[in-house]
Amino acid sequence: MKVAISLLFFSLLFNTSLYSQHLSGDNYFEDYLCEKGLEIDTTDYLLLYNDISEWLNTPYKYAGNSLTGIDCSGFTKKIYEKTYNINLLGGSSSLFTQVTPIPLKEDLCEGDLIFFKIKKNKISHVGIYLKDGNFIHASVQNGVIISNLNETYYNKYYFSGGRIP
């Protein structure tokens, strides 16, 4: 009874797809997080996870800005605007100029931006750090997904983290 009331409270409080999915029995997002090895608990910013759940599997579209297609910087800006009420400007390299750099991966916190130098040794990709090495981003090949910094590809191209001051 206590769990059901808590879930109902969160659903009503946030009007979240994450909790309404849970109540309706559609556990896709929770299953996806579990598959990625991510356990969400009360110390996590639940609004962030709710907001990213709406975008999961959105296809990649260069300069896209909607659920029909979005690129990495567009996704990052949409999440920051909705979740943190912060308006960021520009593409991935421009976003890096707006952060306080965090060079060491072990110093990253939930919500930090992470940057990659993939093309011509320039910052060309950005994502949002979640926890335990996991981050969410708009991948060119797979759309909005959760990946891990320890994956060979992302480890190779990782440049820096950054925190919005």
N, C-alpha and C. Protein backbone atom coordinates (compact mmCIF):
# COMPACT_ATOMS: atom_id res chain seq x y z
N MET A 1 0.83 -1.19 0.00
CA MET A 1 0.00 0.00 0.00
C MET A 1 0.87 1.25 0.00
N LYS A 2 1.92 1.28 0.86
CA LYS A 2 2.80 2.43 0.95
C LYS A 2 3.51 2.68 -0.38
N VAL A 3 3.97 1.62 -1.06
CA VAL A 3 4.65 1.75 -2.35
C VAL A 3 3.68 2.29 -3.39
N ALA A 4 2.48 1.78 -3.44
CA ALA A 4 1.48 2.24 -4.41
C ALA A 4 1.16 3.71 -4.20
N ILE A 5 1.04 4.13 -2.95
CA ILE A 5 0.77 5.54 -2.66
C ILE A 5 1.96 6.39 -3.07
N SER A 6 3.18 5.93 -2.79
CA SER A 6 4.37 6.68 -3.20
C SER A 6 4.43 6.83 -4.71
N LEU A 7 4.17 5.75 -5.43
CA LEU A 7 4.19 5.81 -6.89
C LEU A 7 3.09 6.73 -7.41
N LEU A 8 1.93 6.65 -6.82
CA LEU A 8 0.84 7.52 -7.22
C LEU A 8 1.20 8.98 -6.94
N PHE A 9 1.80 9.23 -5.78
CA PHE A 9 2.23 10.59 -5.43
C PHE A 9 3.20 11.13 -6.47
N PHE A 10 4.24 10.35 -6.81
CA PHE A 10 5.21 10.80 -7.81
C PHE A 10 4.55 11.02 -9.16
N SER A 11 3.63 10.14 -9.52
CA SER A 11 2.94 10.27 -10.80
C SER A 11 2.14 11.56 -10.85
N LEU A 12 1.43 11.86 -9.78
CA LEU A 12 0.64 13.09 -9.74
C LEU A 12 1.52 14.32 -9.62
N LEU A 13 2.57 14.23 -8.80
CA LEU A 13 3.45 15.36 -8.58
C LEU A 13 4.16 15.78 -9.86
N PHE A 14 4.73 14.82 -10.55
CA PHE A 14 5.52 15.12 -11.73
C PHE A 14 4.74 14.96 -13.03
N ASN A 15 3.56 14.31 -12.96
CA ASN A 15 2.83 13.93 -14.16
C ASN A 15 3.77 13.25 -15.13
N THR A 16 4.52 12.30 -14.63
CA THR A 16 5.63 11.73 -15.38
C THR A 16 5.24 10.47 -16.12
N SER A 17 5.82 10.35 -17.29
CA SER A 17 5.61 9.13 -18.05
C SER A 17 6.28 7.95 -17.35
N LEU A 18 7.42 8.20 -16.68
CA LEU A 18 8.13 7.12 -16.00
C LEU A 18 7.23 6.46 -14.97
N TYR A 19 6.59 7.26 -14.11
CA TYR A 19 5.77 6.69 -13.06
C TYR A 19 4.41 6.25 -13.58
N SER A 20 3.86 6.96 -14.56
CA SER A 20 2.59 6.51 -15.11
C SER A 20 2.77 5.20 -15.87
N GLN A 21 3.93 5.04 -16.52
CA GLN A 21 4.21 3.76 -17.18
C GLN A 21 4.28 2.66 -16.13
N HIS A 22 4.94 2.96 -15.01
CA HIS A 22 5.06 1.97 -13.96
C HIS A 22 3.69 1.56 -13.42
N LEU A 23 2.84 2.54 -13.21
CA LEU A 23 1.52 2.23 -12.68
C LEU A 23 0.66 1.47 -13.68
N SER A 24 0.85 1.73 -14.97
CA SER A 24 0.03 1.05 -15.97
C SER A 24 0.57 -0.32 -16.35
N GLY A 25 1.75 -0.65 -15.83
CA GLY A 25 2.32 -1.95 -16.14
C GLY A 25 3.26 -1.92 -17.32
N ASP A 26 3.42 -0.79 -17.98
CA ASP A 26 4.35 -0.66 -19.10
C ASP A 26 5.70 -0.26 -18.54
N ASN A 27 6.58 -1.23 -18.39
CA ASN A 27 7.86 -0.99 -17.74
C ASN A 27 9.01 -0.86 -18.72
N TYR A 28 8.76 -0.40 -19.94
CA TYR A 28 9.80 -0.33 -20.96
C TYR A 28 11.02 0.44 -20.47
N PHE A 29 10.82 1.65 -19.95
CA PHE A 29 11.95 2.48 -19.54
C PHE A 29 12.70 1.82 -18.38
N GLU A 30 11.97 1.31 -17.40
CA GLU A 30 12.61 0.63 -16.28
C GLU A 30 13.40 -0.59 -16.77
N ASP A 31 12.83 -1.35 -17.70
CA ASP A 31 13.53 -2.51 -18.26
C ASP A 31 14.79 -2.07 -19.00
N TYR A 32 14.68 -0.97 -19.74
CA TYR A 32 15.83 -0.45 -20.48
C TYR A 32 16.95 -0.05 -19.52
N LEU A 33 16.59 0.65 -18.44
CA LEU A 33 17.59 1.05 -17.45
C LEU A 33 18.25 -0.18 -16.83
N CYS A 34 17.44 -1.17 -16.52
CA CYS A 34 17.96 -2.41 -15.94
C CYS A 34 18.92 -3.10 -16.91
N GLU A 35 18.55 -3.14 -18.16
CA GLU A 35 19.39 -3.73 -19.21
C GLU A 35 20.74 -3.01 -19.30
N LYS A 36 20.74 -1.72 -19.06
CA LYS A 36 21.96 -0.91 -19.10
C LYS A 36 22.72 -0.97 -17.77
N GLY A 37 22.16 -1.64 -16.76
CA GLY A 37 22.80 -1.74 -15.47
C GLY A 37 22.63 -0.51 -14.60
N LEU A 38 21.61 0.27 -14.88
CA LEU A 38 21.35 1.50 -14.14
C LEU A 38 20.23 1.27 -13.14
N GLU A 39 20.53 1.48 -11.87
CA GLU A 39 19.50 1.41 -10.83
C GLU A 39 19.22 2.82 -10.34
N ILE A 40 17.98 3.24 -10.45
CA ILE A 40 17.58 4.56 -10.00
C ILE A 40 17.04 4.44 -8.58
N ASP A 41 17.51 5.35 -7.72
CA ASP A 41 17.01 5.34 -6.36
C ASP A 41 16.68 6.76 -5.92
N THR A 42 16.35 6.94 -4.66
CA THR A 42 15.87 8.23 -4.17
C THR A 42 16.96 9.30 -4.16
N THR A 43 18.22 8.91 -4.31
CA THR A 43 19.29 9.91 -4.35
C THR A 43 19.45 10.50 -5.75
N ASP A 44 18.80 9.89 -6.73
CA ASP A 44 18.88 10.38 -8.11
C ASP A 44 17.83 11.45 -8.37
N TYR A 45 18.11 12.32 -9.33
CA TYR A 45 17.18 13.38 -9.68
C TYR A 45 16.12 12.78 -10.61
N LEU A 46 15.00 12.37 -10.02
CA LEU A 46 13.97 11.63 -10.76
C LEU A 46 13.40 12.41 -11.94
N LEU A 47 13.33 13.72 -11.83
CA LEU A 47 12.83 14.52 -12.93
C LEU A 47 13.70 14.37 -14.17
N LEU A 48 15.00 14.28 -13.99
CA LEU A 48 15.91 14.06 -15.13
C LEU A 48 15.58 12.74 -15.82
N TYR A 49 15.38 11.69 -15.05
CA TYR A 49 15.09 10.38 -15.65
C TYR A 49 13.72 10.38 -16.32
N ASN A 50 12.79 11.08 -15.74
CA ASN A 50 11.48 11.20 -16.37
C ASN A 50 11.62 11.91 -17.72
N ASP A 51 12.33 13.02 -17.73
CA ASP A 51 12.46 13.79 -18.96
C ASP A 51 13.20 13.04 -20.05
N ILE A 52 14.24 12.29 -19.68
CA ILE A 52 14.95 11.54 -20.72
C ILE A 52 14.12 10.36 -21.22
N SER A 53 13.24 9.82 -20.37
CA SER A 53 12.42 8.68 -20.80
C SER A 53 11.54 9.03 -21.99
N GLU A 54 11.13 10.29 -22.07
CA GLU A 54 10.28 10.73 -23.18
C GLU A 54 11.02 10.73 -24.51
N TRP A 55 12.35 10.85 -24.47
CA TRP A 55 13.15 10.99 -25.68
C TRP A 55 13.80 9.68 -26.12
N LEU A 56 13.83 8.68 -25.27
CA LEU A 56 14.51 7.43 -25.59
C LEU A 56 14.04 6.89 -26.93
N ASN A 57 14.98 6.52 -27.76
CA ASN A 57 14.76 5.96 -29.11
C ASN A 57 14.30 6.99 -30.14
N THR A 58 14.29 8.27 -29.80
CA THR A 58 14.02 9.29 -30.82
C THR A 58 15.10 9.19 -31.87
N PRO A 59 14.76 9.17 -33.15
CA PRO A 59 15.79 9.04 -34.19
C PRO A 59 16.71 10.26 -34.25
N TYR A 60 17.93 10.02 -34.71
CA TYR A 60 18.88 11.10 -34.91
C TYR A 60 18.52 11.86 -36.18
N LYS A 61 18.57 13.18 -36.08
CA LYS A 61 18.40 14.03 -37.26
C LYS A 61 19.28 15.25 -37.05
N TYR A 62 20.23 15.46 -37.96
CA TYR A 62 21.11 16.61 -37.84
C TYR A 62 20.29 17.89 -37.79
N ALA A 63 20.58 18.73 -36.80
CA ALA A 63 19.87 19.99 -36.56
C ALA A 63 18.41 19.77 -36.18
N GLY A 64 18.03 18.52 -35.89
CA GLY A 64 16.67 18.23 -35.46
C GLY A 64 16.43 18.77 -34.07
N ASN A 65 15.15 19.02 -33.79
CA ASN A 65 14.82 19.67 -32.53
C ASN A 65 13.50 19.17 -31.95
N SER A 66 13.09 17.95 -32.34
CA SER A 66 11.79 17.46 -31.88
C SER A 66 11.84 15.94 -31.70
N LEU A 67 10.73 15.39 -31.21
CA LEU A 67 10.63 13.95 -31.00
C LEU A 67 10.65 13.16 -32.32
N THR A 68 10.51 13.83 -33.43
CA THR A 68 10.59 13.14 -34.73
C THR A 68 12.03 13.00 -35.20
N GLY A 69 12.95 13.74 -34.56
CA GLY A 69 14.36 13.65 -34.89
C GLY A 69 15.14 14.76 -34.20
N ILE A 70 16.29 14.40 -33.63
CA ILE A 70 17.07 15.38 -32.86
C ILE A 70 18.55 15.01 -32.93
N ASP A 71 19.40 16.02 -32.83
CA ASP A 71 20.83 15.74 -32.78
C ASP A 71 21.33 15.89 -31.33
N CYS A 72 22.62 15.64 -31.12
CA CYS A 72 23.14 15.58 -29.75
C CYS A 72 23.02 16.90 -29.00
N SER A 73 23.35 17.99 -29.65
CA SER A 73 23.27 19.28 -28.94
C SER A 73 21.82 19.71 -28.75
N GLY A 74 20.98 19.43 -29.73
CA GLY A 74 19.55 19.75 -29.59
C GLY A 74 18.94 18.98 -28.43
N PHE A 75 19.28 17.70 -28.32
CA PHE A 75 18.78 16.87 -27.21
C PHE A 75 19.25 17.43 -25.87
N THR A 76 20.53 17.73 -25.78
CA THR A 76 21.10 18.25 -24.54
C THR A 76 20.41 19.55 -24.14
N LYS A 77 20.21 20.43 -25.09
CA LYS A 77 19.56 21.72 -24.80
C LYS A 77 18.11 21.53 -24.37
N LYS A 78 17.38 20.61 -25.03
CA LYS A 78 15.98 20.36 -24.65
C LYS A 78 15.89 19.84 -23.22
N ILE A 79 16.76 18.89 -22.87
CA ILE A 79 16.72 18.33 -21.51
C ILE A 79 17.09 19.39 -20.49
N TYR A 80 18.12 20.17 -20.76
CA TYR A 80 18.51 21.21 -19.81
C TYR A 80 17.43 22.26 -19.63
N GLU A 81 16.75 22.60 -20.71
CA GLU A 81 15.68 23.59 -20.61
C GLU A 81 14.53 23.06 -19.77
N LYS A 82 14.11 21.82 -20.05
CA LYS A 82 12.95 21.27 -19.34
C LYS A 82 13.28 20.86 -17.91
N THR A 83 14.40 20.19 -17.73
CA THR A 83 14.75 19.63 -16.42
C THR A 83 15.30 20.66 -15.46
N TYR A 84 16.19 21.51 -15.96
CA TYR A 84 16.89 22.45 -15.08
C TYR A 84 16.50 23.92 -15.30
N ASN A 85 15.62 24.17 -16.27
CA ASN A 85 15.21 25.53 -16.62
C ASN A 85 16.42 26.40 -16.98
N ILE A 86 17.36 25.80 -17.73
CA ILE A 86 18.57 26.48 -18.19
C ILE A 86 18.58 26.44 -19.71
N ASN A 87 18.71 27.60 -20.33
CA ASN A 87 18.77 27.68 -21.78
C ASN A 87 20.23 27.72 -22.22
N LEU A 88 20.63 26.69 -22.94
CA LEU A 88 21.97 26.61 -23.49
C LEU A 88 21.92 27.01 -24.96
N LEU A 89 23.05 27.46 -25.48
CA LEU A 89 23.09 27.94 -26.86
C LEU A 89 24.16 27.21 -27.66
N GLY A 90 23.86 26.98 -28.95
CA GLY A 90 24.87 26.49 -29.88
C GLY A 90 25.01 24.99 -29.95
N GLY A 91 25.99 24.59 -30.74
CA GLY A 91 26.31 23.18 -30.93
C GLY A 91 27.24 22.66 -29.85
N SER A 92 27.73 21.44 -30.04
CA SER A 92 28.52 20.79 -28.99
C SER A 92 29.78 21.57 -28.63
N SER A 93 30.50 22.10 -29.60
CA SER A 93 31.72 22.85 -29.26
C SER A 93 31.38 24.16 -28.56
N SER A 94 30.30 24.80 -28.96
CA SER A 94 29.86 26.03 -28.30
C SER A 94 29.40 25.74 -26.87
N LEU A 95 28.76 24.61 -26.66
CA LEU A 95 28.32 24.25 -25.30
C LEU A 95 29.51 24.12 -24.36
N PHE A 96 30.63 23.64 -24.90
CA PHE A 96 31.82 23.46 -24.06
C PHE A 96 32.31 24.80 -23.51
N THR A 97 32.11 25.88 -24.25
CA THR A 97 32.54 27.20 -23.77
C THR A 97 31.66 27.72 -22.64
N GLN A 98 30.53 27.06 -22.39
CA GLN A 98 29.58 27.51 -21.37
C GLN A 98 29.70 26.74 -20.05
N VAL A 99 30.67 25.82 -19.98
CA VAL A 99 30.80 24.97 -18.80
C VAL A 99 32.11 25.21 -18.08
N THR A 100 32.16 24.79 -16.84
CA THR A 100 33.41 24.67 -16.11
C THR A 100 33.92 23.27 -16.38
N PRO A 101 35.09 23.13 -17.04
CA PRO A 101 35.57 21.80 -17.41
C PRO A 101 35.81 20.88 -16.21
N ILE A 102 35.51 19.60 -16.43
CA ILE A 102 35.77 18.54 -15.45
C ILE A 102 36.57 17.46 -16.19
N PRO A 103 37.90 17.55 -16.16
CA PRO A 103 38.72 16.65 -16.97
C PRO A 103 38.65 15.17 -16.56
N LEU A 104 38.48 14.89 -15.27
CA LEU A 104 38.52 13.50 -14.80
C LEU A 104 37.12 12.88 -14.76
N LYS A 105 36.99 11.73 -15.37
CA LYS A 105 35.69 11.05 -15.41
C LYS A 105 35.16 10.75 -14.01
N GLU A 106 36.05 10.43 -13.10
CA GLU A 106 35.59 10.07 -11.75
C GLU A 106 35.00 11.26 -10.99
N ASP A 107 35.18 12.47 -11.49
CA ASP A 107 34.62 13.66 -10.86
C ASP A 107 33.27 14.06 -11.43
N LEU A 108 32.77 13.31 -12.41
CA LEU A 108 31.49 13.64 -13.03
C LEU A 108 30.33 13.37 -12.08
N CYS A 109 29.32 14.21 -12.16
CA CYS A 109 28.09 14.06 -11.38
C CYS A 109 26.90 14.03 -12.33
N GLU A 110 25.82 13.47 -11.83
CA GLU A 110 24.57 13.41 -12.58
C GLU A 110 24.21 14.80 -13.13
N GLY A 111 23.94 14.86 -14.43
CA GLY A 111 23.55 16.11 -15.06
C GLY A 111 24.70 16.86 -15.71
N ASP A 112 25.94 16.47 -15.43
CA ASP A 112 27.08 17.12 -16.09
C ASP A 112 27.04 16.82 -17.59
N LEU A 113 27.59 17.74 -18.36
CA LEU A 113 27.71 17.50 -19.79
C LEU A 113 29.02 16.77 -20.05
N ILE A 114 29.03 15.91 -21.06
CA ILE A 114 30.26 15.24 -21.44
C ILE A 114 30.49 15.46 -22.93
N PHE A 115 31.76 15.66 -23.27
CA PHE A 115 32.13 16.07 -24.62
C PHE A 115 33.11 15.08 -25.24
N PHE A 116 32.96 14.92 -26.54
CA PHE A 116 33.79 13.99 -27.31
C PHE A 116 34.39 14.69 -28.50
N LYS A 117 35.65 14.34 -28.80
CA LYS A 117 36.31 14.82 -30.01
C LYS A 117 36.34 13.64 -30.97
N ILE A 118 35.39 13.62 -31.88
CA ILE A 118 35.27 12.50 -32.81
C ILE A 118 35.77 12.89 -34.20
N LYS A 119 35.41 14.07 -34.65
CA LYS A 119 35.76 14.51 -36.00
C LYS A 119 36.90 15.52 -35.96
N LYS A 120 37.99 15.19 -36.63
CA LYS A 120 39.13 16.10 -36.81
C LYS A 120 39.62 16.70 -35.50
N ASN A 121 39.61 15.91 -34.45
CA ASN A 121 40.08 16.33 -33.13
C ASN A 121 39.42 17.62 -32.63
N LYS A 122 38.16 17.83 -33.02
CA LYS A 122 37.37 18.95 -32.52
C LYS A 122 36.17 18.39 -31.76
N ILE A 123 35.69 19.13 -30.78
CA ILE A 123 34.50 18.69 -30.06
C ILE A 123 33.36 18.61 -31.06
N SER A 124 32.79 17.41 -31.17
CA SER A 124 31.72 17.21 -32.16
C SER A 124 30.55 16.39 -31.61
N HIS A 125 30.60 16.08 -30.32
CA HIS A 125 29.51 15.30 -29.73
C HIS A 125 29.38 15.66 -28.26
N VAL A 126 28.12 15.66 -27.77
CA VAL A 126 27.86 15.99 -26.38
C VAL A 126 26.76 15.07 -25.85
N GLY A 127 26.84 14.77 -24.58
CA GLY A 127 25.81 13.97 -23.91
C GLY A 127 25.64 14.46 -22.49
N ILE A 128 24.73 13.83 -21.77
CA ILE A 128 24.46 14.17 -20.37
C ILE A 128 24.82 12.98 -19.50
N TYR A 129 25.70 13.23 -18.55
CA TYR A 129 26.13 12.16 -17.64
C TYR A 129 24.99 11.79 -16.70
N LEU A 130 24.84 10.49 -16.47
CA LEU A 130 23.83 10.00 -15.54
C LEU A 130 24.50 9.51 -14.26
N LYS A 131 25.08 8.34 -14.30
CA LYS A 131 25.80 7.80 -13.14
C LYS A 131 26.51 6.53 -13.56
N ASP A 132 27.48 6.12 -12.76
CA ASP A 132 28.22 4.86 -12.97
C ASP A 132 28.78 4.74 -14.39
N GLY A 133 29.24 5.85 -14.95
CA GLY A 133 29.81 5.83 -16.30
C GLY A 133 28.78 5.93 -17.41
N ASN A 134 27.51 5.91 -17.07
CA ASN A 134 26.45 5.95 -18.08
C ASN A 134 26.07 7.39 -18.43
N PHE A 135 25.74 7.58 -19.68
CA PHE A 135 25.30 8.88 -20.15
C PHE A 135 24.25 8.69 -21.24
N ILE A 136 23.45 9.73 -21.46
CA ILE A 136 22.43 9.68 -22.50
C ILE A 136 22.80 10.71 -23.55
N HIS A 137 22.54 10.35 -24.80
CA HIS A 137 22.92 11.22 -25.91
C HIS A 137 22.14 10.81 -27.15
N ALA A 138 22.22 11.66 -28.16
CA ALA A 138 21.63 11.34 -29.45
C ALA A 138 22.73 10.81 -30.36
N SER A 139 22.74 9.51 -30.54
CA SER A 139 23.73 8.83 -31.36
C SER A 139 23.32 8.90 -32.83
N VAL A 140 24.28 9.16 -33.71
CA VAL A 140 23.98 9.24 -35.14
C VAL A 140 23.34 7.94 -35.63
N GLN A 141 23.86 6.81 -35.19
CA GLN A 141 23.37 5.52 -35.68
C GLN A 141 22.13 5.01 -34.95
N ASN A 142 21.99 5.32 -33.65
CA ASN A 142 20.92 4.70 -32.86
C ASN A 142 19.91 5.66 -32.27
N GLY A 143 20.05 6.95 -32.53
CA GLY A 143 19.14 7.92 -31.93
C GLY A 143 19.44 8.09 -30.45
N VAL A 144 18.46 8.50 -29.68
CA VAL A 144 18.67 8.78 -28.26
C VAL A 144 18.78 7.45 -27.50
N ILE A 145 19.95 7.26 -26.92
CA ILE A 145 20.25 6.02 -26.19
C ILE A 145 21.10 6.32 -24.97
N ILE A 146 21.21 5.34 -24.11
CA ILE A 146 22.14 5.40 -22.99
C ILE A 146 23.35 4.55 -23.36
N SER A 147 24.53 5.12 -23.17
CA SER A 147 25.78 4.42 -23.44
C SER A 147 26.66 4.54 -22.20
N ASN A 148 27.82 3.91 -22.25
CA ASN A 148 28.73 3.94 -21.11
C ASN A 148 30.09 4.44 -21.57
N LEU A 149 30.70 5.28 -20.75
CA LEU A 149 32.01 5.84 -21.08
C LEU A 149 33.09 4.77 -21.19
N ASN A 150 32.87 3.60 -20.62
CA ASN A 150 33.85 2.53 -20.70
C ASN A 150 33.78 1.74 -22.01
N GLU A 151 32.72 1.97 -22.80
CA GLU A 151 32.66 1.33 -24.12
C GLU A 151 33.85 1.83 -24.93
N THR A 152 34.47 0.93 -25.68
CA THR A 152 35.69 1.24 -26.42
C THR A 152 35.57 2.52 -27.24
N TYR A 153 34.51 2.66 -27.99
CA TYR A 153 34.32 3.82 -28.87
C TYR A 153 34.29 5.12 -28.06
N TYR A 154 33.47 5.18 -27.04
CA TYR A 154 33.33 6.41 -26.26
C TYR A 154 34.56 6.70 -25.42
N ASN A 155 35.21 5.67 -24.92
CA ASN A 155 36.44 5.83 -24.17
C ASN A 155 37.53 6.44 -25.06
N LYS A 156 37.58 6.00 -26.31
CA LYS A 156 38.58 6.49 -27.26
C LYS A 156 38.41 7.98 -27.56
N TYR A 157 37.17 8.44 -27.70
CA TYR A 157 36.92 9.81 -28.14
C TYR A 157 36.55 10.78 -27.01
N TYR A 158 36.45 10.30 -25.79
CA TYR A 158 36.09 11.17 -24.67
C TYR A 158 37.11 12.30 -24.55
N PHE A 159 36.61 13.52 -24.37
CA PHE A 159 37.48 14.68 -24.22
C PHE A 159 37.42 15.24 -22.79
N SER A 160 36.23 15.59 -22.34
CA SER A 160 36.10 16.21 -21.02
C SER A 160 34.64 16.24 -20.60
N GLY A 161 34.46 16.40 -19.31
CA GLY A 161 33.14 16.71 -18.79
C GLY A 161 33.06 18.20 -18.55
N GLY A 162 31.85 18.66 -18.25
CA GLY A 162 31.68 20.07 -17.93
C GLY A 162 30.44 20.28 -17.10
N ARG A 163 30.50 21.26 -16.22
CA ARG A 163 29.38 21.58 -15.35
C ARG A 163 28.94 23.01 -15.61
N ILE A 164 27.63 23.18 -15.74
CA ILE A 164 27.08 24.53 -15.93
C ILE A 164 27.24 25.27 -14.60
N PRO A 165 27.92 26.42 -14.61
CA PRO A 165 28.13 27.15 -13.35
C PRO A 165 26.84 27.71 -12.78
